[in-house]
Amino acid sequence: MRKGAKRNAASKKQEDAQVKSSQENQNGNHKPAPKAKRAKISKPQSEPEYFEDKRNLEDLWKEAFPVGTEWDQLDTVYQYNWNFSNLEDAFEEGGKLYGKKVYIFGCTEPQLVPYKGENKVICIPVVVAVASPFPPSDKIGINSVQREAEEIVPMKQMKMDWVPYIALENRDSQVDRLKSRIFILSCTQRRVALKQMKIDRLKKYEYCLPYFYQPLKEDELEQSTEVQIIFPAEPKPVFCEFDWDLDEIDEFTDKLIEEDELDKDQKDAFKEFVKEKVREAKKANRQAREARKKALEEMSEETKAAFENMRFYKFYPVQTPDTPDVSNVKSPFINRYYGKAHEVL
């Protein structure tokens, strides 16, 4: 074959290959071009959340049981974000309770106070701190106008006791319980068990008052000449106070009859009832004086000094924008056993 013929054949093959390739492209027999990737849109970063650190003694006021508060009122006590930073500051260096052994109990005081433009009756939580080297008492007083007689019972009978308070930063350490200098009056009575409790037992909790006896001074009850009278008359009981130094029994009884508080047919029974209550009260006063005298004779000088230096501090919540203003209802009075606080904060 001639050389020119070979070149012509090769050239023809190349042309046929190009035509075939062009036809395949036209018929769609080729891979589609890859799609372009969508650009990712970066989301704006949210502002980091900051949580205020809990203060070391922030829950101290909540841990102390509010003695004498009705069970169905407990939730209303905690509906506000009360602030007791004044109590916390008292334990800081330079504070009134710094370095001292302190026993703390809670209570509540229903008061009419302004809140968000109106006056409302608010159950205000109050904390009492007793600076003392030993527990001020291991007893609870149970008393009310409705009860005929006052009871002084051991705290444990009402499931109450002084227990160590552990600050938040030390909660994981068991050793700190032994070194604690803050003790709170705690109650282990479970609220879920109240439905099975007898009414009389249930009411006792509402009439509880932290008890304190100061042997270095004569108790007000020792000096009192008054007796509470609850005479079981029909159709309704007679409630009154009789002072055996100031009142004369016949005049006192006749006045009740005139005011339709007592039926005339019950006059003699009422008089005997009052005389019996007076005898009981005089006997109780005499026994109290004798017990105090004996306690003083047996008391060491160290214990006497502790009682002399014992101090009561009463703390109210500090004012904040989201809590009721209690600044105008503060009172030094604690209860009939403790009397008045040495200082109100």
Protein backbone atom coordinates (compact mmCIF):
# COMPACT_ATOMS: atom_id res chain seq x y z
CA MET A 1 0.00 0.00 0.00
CA ARG A 2 1.16 3.44 -0.71
CA LYS A 3 2.22 5.79 2.11
CA GLY A 4 -0.36 8.35 1.19
CA ALA A 5 -3.10 5.76 1.43
CA LYS A 6 -2.07 4.93 5.05
CA ARG A 7 -2.21 8.58 6.09
CA ASN A 8 -5.67 8.97 4.55
CA ALA A 9 -6.98 5.91 6.49
CA ALA A 10 -5.64 7.21 9.82
CA SER A 11 -7.10 10.63 9.22
CA LYS A 12 -10.50 9.08 8.43
CA LYS A 13 -10.47 7.05 11.70
CA GLN A 14 -9.75 10.21 13.71
CA GLU A 15 -12.64 12.04 12.06
CA ASP A 16 -15.02 9.10 12.75
CA ALA A 17 -14.02 9.11 16.44
CA GLN A 18 -14.70 12.87 16.76
CA VAL A 19 -18.13 12.48 15.11
CA LYS A 20 -19.03 9.61 17.48
CA SER A 21 -17.99 11.61 20.50
CA SER A 22 -20.07 14.59 19.35
CA GLN A 23 -23.14 12.38 18.86
CA GLU A 24 -22.81 10.89 22.33
CA ASN A 25 -22.70 14.37 23.83
CA GLN A 26 -25.81 15.38 21.93
CA ASN A 27 -27.67 12.24 23.04
CA GLY A 28 -27.01 13.02 26.73
CA ASN A 29 -24.73 10.05 27.28
CA HIS A 30 -22.38 12.04 29.47
CA LYS A 31 -22.10 12.60 33.24
CA PRO A 32 -23.78 15.78 34.49
CA ALA A 33 -21.56 18.45 35.89
CA PRO A 34 -21.42 18.39 39.70
CA LYS A 35 -23.76 20.82 41.46
CA ALA A 36 -22.21 23.74 43.24
CA LYS A 37 -22.26 23.38 47.03
CA ARG A 38 -24.47 25.83 48.94
CA ALA A 39 -22.55 28.17 51.09
CA LYS A 40 -23.15 27.60 54.84
CA ILE A 41 -24.62 30.61 56.63
CA SER A 42 -23.13 30.93 60.09
CA LYS A 43 -25.69 31.47 62.87
CA PRO A 44 -25.13 34.46 65.14
CA GLN A 45 -23.66 33.33 68.45
CA SER A 46 -26.03 33.78 71.44
CA GLU A 47 -24.90 35.77 74.43
CA PRO A 48 -23.47 33.51 77.18
CA GLU A 49 -25.73 33.12 80.25
CA TYR A 50 -24.32 34.14 83.59
CA PHE A 51 -25.72 32.68 86.83
CA GLU A 52 -25.08 34.47 90.08
CA ASP A 53 -23.07 32.34 92.49
CA LYS A 54 -25.02 31.17 95.53
CA ARG A 55 -24.03 32.81 98.76
CA ASN A 56 -22.52 30.52 101.35
CA LEU A 57 -25.30 30.99 103.95
CA GLU A 58 -28.07 31.81 101.46
CA ASP A 59 -30.46 29.07 102.62
CA LEU A 60 -29.82 29.44 106.36
CA TRP A 61 -33.16 31.19 107.01
CA LYS A 62 -35.06 28.53 105.07
CA GLU A 63 -33.40 25.65 106.92
CA ALA A 64 -34.66 26.93 110.30
CA PHE A 65 -38.18 25.57 110.89
CA PRO A 66 -40.79 28.39 111.26
CA VAL A 67 -42.15 27.27 114.64
CA GLY A 68 -45.86 27.85 115.27
CA THR A 69 -46.76 28.51 111.61
CA GLU A 70 -49.92 26.81 110.38
CA TRP A 71 -49.11 23.96 108.02
CA ASP A 72 -51.33 25.32 105.25
CA GLN A 73 -49.52 28.67 105.44
CA LEU A 74 -46.00 27.33 104.93
CA ASP A 75 -46.13 27.64 101.14
CA THR A 76 -47.20 31.29 101.37
CA VAL A 77 -44.09 32.04 103.45
CA TYR A 78 -41.83 30.94 100.60
CA GLN A 79 -43.78 32.47 97.71
CA TYR A 80 -41.57 35.57 97.85
CA ASN A 81 -37.84 35.65 97.23
CA TRP A 82 -37.02 36.94 100.73
CA ASN A 83 -33.49 38.18 101.27
CA PHE A 84 -31.73 37.64 104.62
CA SER A 85 -28.32 38.96 103.62
CA ASN A 86 -28.31 40.85 106.94
CA LEU A 87 -28.28 37.49 108.74
CA GLU A 88 -25.50 36.22 106.49
CA ASP A 89 -23.43 39.39 107.03
CA ALA A 90 -23.72 38.96 110.81
CA PHE A 91 -21.50 35.86 110.56
CA GLU A 92 -18.82 37.65 108.55
CA GLU A 93 -15.74 39.14 110.18
CA GLY A 94 -16.82 42.22 112.11
CA GLY A 95 -20.44 41.02 112.28
CA LYS A 96 -22.41 40.61 115.49
CA LEU A 97 -22.34 36.79 115.32
CA TYR A 98 -18.82 36.33 113.97
CA GLY A 99 -16.94 33.55 115.79
CA LYS A 100 -19.82 32.86 118.18
CA LYS A 101 -21.81 29.69 118.78
CA VAL A 102 -25.32 30.46 117.61
CA TYR A 103 -28.70 28.71 117.86
CA ILE A 104 -31.29 29.75 115.28
CA PHE A 105 -35.04 29.25 115.03
CA GLY A 106 -37.65 30.68 112.69
CA CYS A 107 -41.16 32.02 113.17
CA THR A 108 -43.68 34.04 111.17
CA GLU A 109 -45.59 37.28 111.76
CA PRO A 110 -48.74 38.02 109.73
CA GLN A 111 -48.72 41.77 109.05
CA LEU A 112 -50.51 44.27 106.82
CA VAL A 113 -47.77 45.70 104.58
CA PRO A 114 -47.61 47.57 101.25
CA TYR A 115 -46.79 45.53 98.14
CA LYS A 116 -47.10 46.61 94.50
CA GLY A 117 -49.35 49.56 95.27
CA GLU A 118 -51.73 47.87 97.69
CA ASN A 119 -51.80 46.76 101.31
CA LYS A 120 -51.79 43.01 101.81
CA VAL A 121 -51.65 40.67 104.83
CA ILE A 122 -48.34 38.89 104.38
CA CYS A 123 -46.90 36.03 106.45
CA ILE A 124 -43.46 37.51 107.12
CA PRO A 125 -40.63 35.10 107.97
CA VAL A 126 -38.50 36.10 110.96
CA VAL A 127 -35.27 34.55 112.22
CA VAL A 128 -34.13 34.63 115.86
CA ALA A 129 -30.46 34.01 116.59
CA VAL A 130 -29.38 33.16 120.15
CA ALA A 131 -25.69 33.66 120.85
CA SER A 132 -24.92 31.08 123.54
CA PRO A 133 -22.26 28.46 124.37
CA PHE A 134 -25.03 25.87 124.91
CA PRO A 135 -28.59 25.31 123.61
CA PRO A 136 -30.98 27.87 125.11
CA SER A 137 -33.54 25.12 125.74
CA ASP A 138 -34.50 21.57 124.80
CA LYS A 139 -38.22 22.24 125.33
CA ILE A 140 -41.18 23.64 123.41
CA GLY A 141 -44.13 25.53 124.88
CA ILE A 142 -47.62 24.73 123.62
CA ASN A 143 -50.18 27.37 124.38
CA SER A 144 -53.11 29.27 122.87
CA VAL A 145 -56.26 31.06 123.95
CA GLN A 146 -58.26 27.97 123.00
CA ARG A 147 -56.23 25.56 125.15
CA GLU A 148 -57.13 25.30 128.83
CA ALA A 149 -53.59 24.68 130.07
CA GLU A 150 -50.09 25.47 128.90
CA GLU A 151 -47.79 22.55 128.14
CA ILE A 152 -44.01 22.53 128.28
CA VAL A 153 -42.77 19.42 126.48
CA PRO A 154 -39.42 18.09 125.22
CA MET A 155 -38.64 19.24 121.68
CA LYS A 156 -38.27 15.66 120.50
CA GLN A 157 -41.89 14.96 121.43
CA MET A 158 -42.79 17.35 118.59
CA LYS A 159 -40.06 15.90 116.33
CA MET A 160 -37.89 18.99 116.78
CA ASP A 161 -34.24 19.31 117.71
CA TRP A 162 -31.15 21.49 117.35
CA VAL A 163 -29.08 20.22 114.42
CA PRO A 164 -25.81 21.52 112.91
CA TYR A 165 -26.11 23.82 109.91
CA ILE A 166 -23.53 23.22 107.21
CA ALA A 167 -22.70 26.09 104.86
CA LEU A 168 -23.12 25.43 101.13
CA GLU A 169 -19.39 25.22 100.40
CA ASN A 170 -18.94 22.53 103.07
CA ARG A 171 -21.93 20.29 102.30
CA ASP A 172 -19.75 17.46 100.97
CA SER A 173 -17.68 17.22 104.14
CA GLN A 174 -19.02 15.19 107.06
CA VAL A 175 -16.24 16.42 109.35
CA ASP A 176 -17.64 19.95 109.31
CA ARG A 177 -20.78 18.76 111.10
CA LEU A 178 -18.66 18.17 114.18
CA LYS A 179 -17.07 21.62 113.93
CA SER A 180 -20.25 23.59 113.19
CA ARG A 181 -20.90 26.67 115.32
CA ILE A 182 -24.36 27.28 113.85
CA PHE A 183 -27.30 25.14 114.96
CA ILE A 184 -30.84 25.37 113.63
CA LEU A 185 -34.12 24.26 115.17
CA SER A 186 -35.25 21.58 112.75
CA CYS A 187 -38.52 19.62 112.48
CA THR A 188 -38.63 16.16 110.91
CA GLN A 189 -42.43 15.91 110.79
CA ARG A 190 -43.33 15.07 107.18
CA ARG A 191 -46.15 17.11 105.68
CA VAL A 192 -47.42 14.12 103.68
CA ALA A 193 -48.22 12.35 106.97
CA LEU A 194 -50.43 15.16 108.27
CA LYS A 195 -53.61 13.68 106.76
CA GLN A 196 -53.33 10.69 109.09
CA MET A 197 -52.67 12.87 112.15
CA LYS A 198 -55.36 13.52 114.76
CA ILE A 199 -56.68 17.09 114.83
CA ASP A 200 -55.49 17.76 118.39
CA ARG A 201 -51.97 16.62 117.56
CA LEU A 202 -52.01 18.65 114.33
CA LYS A 203 -53.10 21.82 116.13
CA LYS A 204 -50.32 21.45 118.69
CA TYR A 205 -47.79 22.35 116.00
CA GLU A 206 -49.63 25.60 115.33
CA TYR A 207 -49.53 26.51 119.04
CA CYS A 208 -45.82 25.75 119.51
CA LEU A 209 -43.47 28.43 120.83
CA PRO A 210 -39.71 28.02 121.34
CA TYR A 211 -39.32 27.80 125.12
CA PHE A 212 -36.72 29.62 127.18
CA TYR A 213 -36.25 29.88 130.91
CA GLN A 214 -33.95 32.53 132.33
CA PRO A 215 -33.08 31.45 135.88
CA LEU A 216 -31.26 34.70 136.67
CA LYS A 217 -34.41 36.81 136.71
CA GLU A 218 -37.90 36.25 138.00
CA ASP A 219 -40.21 35.00 135.30
CA GLU A 220 -43.22 37.14 134.38
CA LEU A 221 -45.44 34.15 135.14
CA GLU A 222 -44.09 34.05 138.68
CA GLN A 223 -45.24 37.64 139.18
CA SER A 224 -48.55 37.31 137.35
CA THR A 225 -51.82 37.36 139.28
CA GLU A 226 -53.97 36.64 136.22
CA VAL A 227 -55.50 33.36 135.13
CA GLN A 228 -57.03 32.49 131.76
CA ILE A 229 -60.58 31.21 132.22
CA ILE A 230 -62.30 28.95 129.69
CA PHE A 231 -65.49 27.87 131.41
CA PRO A 232 -67.34 25.07 129.56
CA ALA A 233 -70.80 26.69 129.64
CA GLU A 234 -73.80 26.16 127.37
CA PRO A 235 -74.57 27.20 124.67
CA LYS A 236 -71.03 28.63 124.37
CA PRO A 237 -67.90 28.61 126.59
CA VAL A 238 -67.00 31.68 128.66
CA PHE A 239 -63.59 33.17 127.81
CA CYS A 240 -62.16 35.73 130.24
CA GLU A 241 -59.19 36.72 132.42
CA PHE A 242 -59.45 36.89 136.19
CA ASP A 243 -56.95 38.84 138.31
CA TRP A 244 -57.04 37.62 141.91
CA ASP A 245 -55.44 40.83 143.16
CA LEU A 246 -57.75 43.25 141.35
CA ASP A 247 -61.01 41.35 140.80
CA GLU A 248 -63.59 40.30 143.37
CA ILE A 249 -65.18 36.99 142.44
CA ASP A 250 -68.84 37.93 143.15
CA GLU A 251 -68.68 41.27 141.30
CA PHE A 252 -66.78 39.65 138.43
CA THR A 253 -69.41 36.91 138.06
CA ASP A 254 -72.38 39.26 138.32
CA LYS A 255 -70.95 41.44 135.55
CA LEU A 256 -70.68 38.45 133.23
CA ILE A 257 -74.32 37.61 133.94
CA GLU A 258 -75.39 41.21 133.22
CA GLU A 259 -73.54 41.10 129.89
CA ASP A 260 -75.27 37.79 129.00
CA GLU A 261 -71.93 36.05 128.87
CA LEU A 262 -72.92 33.65 131.66
CA ASP A 263 -76.26 32.07 132.58
CA LYS A 264 -77.48 32.90 136.10
CA ASP A 265 -78.02 29.21 136.90
CA GLN A 266 -74.29 28.59 136.33
CA LYS A 267 -73.08 31.28 138.74
CA ASP A 268 -71.97 28.98 141.59
CA ALA A 269 -70.33 26.46 139.25
CA PHE A 270 -68.45 29.30 137.53
CA LYS A 271 -67.20 30.72 140.83
CA GLU A 272 -65.87 27.34 141.96
CA PHE A 273 -64.22 26.87 138.58
CA VAL A 274 -62.43 30.24 138.87
CA LYS A 275 -61.31 29.56 142.46
CA GLU A 276 -59.81 26.24 141.40
CA LYS A 277 -57.90 27.91 138.55
CA VAL A 278 -56.56 30.53 140.95
CA ARG A 279 -55.34 27.83 143.35
CA GLU A 280 -53.59 26.04 140.48
CA ALA A 281 -51.93 29.25 139.29
CA LYS A 282 -50.68 30.20 142.77
CA LYS A 283 -49.27 26.72 143.22
CA ALA A 284 -47.52 26.89 139.84
CA ASN A 285 -46.02 30.29 140.69
CA ARG A 286 -44.74 29.00 144.04
CA GLN A 287 -43.20 25.92 142.43
CA ALA A 288 -41.56 28.07 139.76
CA ARG A 289 -39.94 30.31 142.37
CA GLU A 290 -38.68 27.29 144.30
CA ALA A 291 -37.31 25.65 141.15
CA ARG A 292 -35.49 28.82 140.15
CA LYS A 293 -33.97 29.20 143.60
CA LYS A 294 -32.76 25.60 143.53
CA ALA A 295 -31.37 25.96 140.01
CA LEU A 296 -29.37 29.03 141.02
CA GLU A 297 -27.92 27.25 144.06
CA GLU A 298 -26.74 24.34 141.91
CA MET A 299 -25.52 26.44 138.97
CA SER A 300 -21.80 26.88 138.33
CA GLU A 301 -20.30 30.34 137.95
CA GLU A 302 -19.45 29.52 134.34
CA THR A 303 -23.10 28.72 133.54
CA LYS A 304 -24.28 31.86 135.34
CA ALA A 305 -21.90 33.93 133.23
CA ALA A 306 -23.21 32.24 130.06
CA PHE A 307 -26.79 33.15 130.95
CA GLU A 308 -25.78 36.73 131.75
CA ASN A 309 -24.01 37.11 128.39
CA MET A 310 -26.65 35.33 126.30
CA ARG A 311 -27.97 37.61 123.54
CA PHE A 312 -31.04 37.43 121.30
CA TYR A 313 -30.96 38.91 117.78
CA LYS A 314 -34.11 39.20 115.68
CA PHE A 315 -33.71 39.37 111.90
CA TYR A 316 -36.31 40.58 109.39
CA PRO A 317 -35.89 40.30 105.59
CA VAL A 318 -34.05 43.21 103.97
CA GLN A 319 -36.01 45.29 101.50
CA THR A 320 -35.70 44.35 97.80
CA PRO A 321 -37.67 45.46 94.69
CA ASP A 322 -39.52 42.12 94.42
CA THR A 323 -40.52 41.62 98.08
CA PRO A 324 -42.99 43.41 100.40
CA ASP A 325 -41.65 46.29 102.51
CA VAL A 326 -41.56 45.19 106.18
CA SER A 327 -39.52 48.11 107.51
CA ASN A 328 -42.47 49.63 109.42
CA VAL A 329 -43.65 46.48 111.20
CA LYS A 330 -40.44 45.39 112.93
CA SER A 331 -40.82 44.56 116.61
CA PRO A 332 -38.32 43.45 119.29
CA PHE A 333 -40.87 41.05 120.85
CA ILE A 334 -40.05 37.37 120.20
CA ASN A 335 -42.55 35.42 122.30
CA ARG A 336 -43.78 35.18 125.88
CA TYR A 337 -40.84 33.00 126.93
CA TYR A 338 -37.95 34.84 125.27
CA GLY A 339 -39.45 38.29 125.77
CA LYS A 340 -37.73 40.99 123.71
CA ALA A 341 -34.65 40.74 121.50
CA HIS A 342 -31.54 42.62 122.51
CA GLU A 343 -31.30 43.90 118.94
CA VAL A 344 -33.56 43.96 115.85
CA LEU A 345 -31.99 43.91 112.41
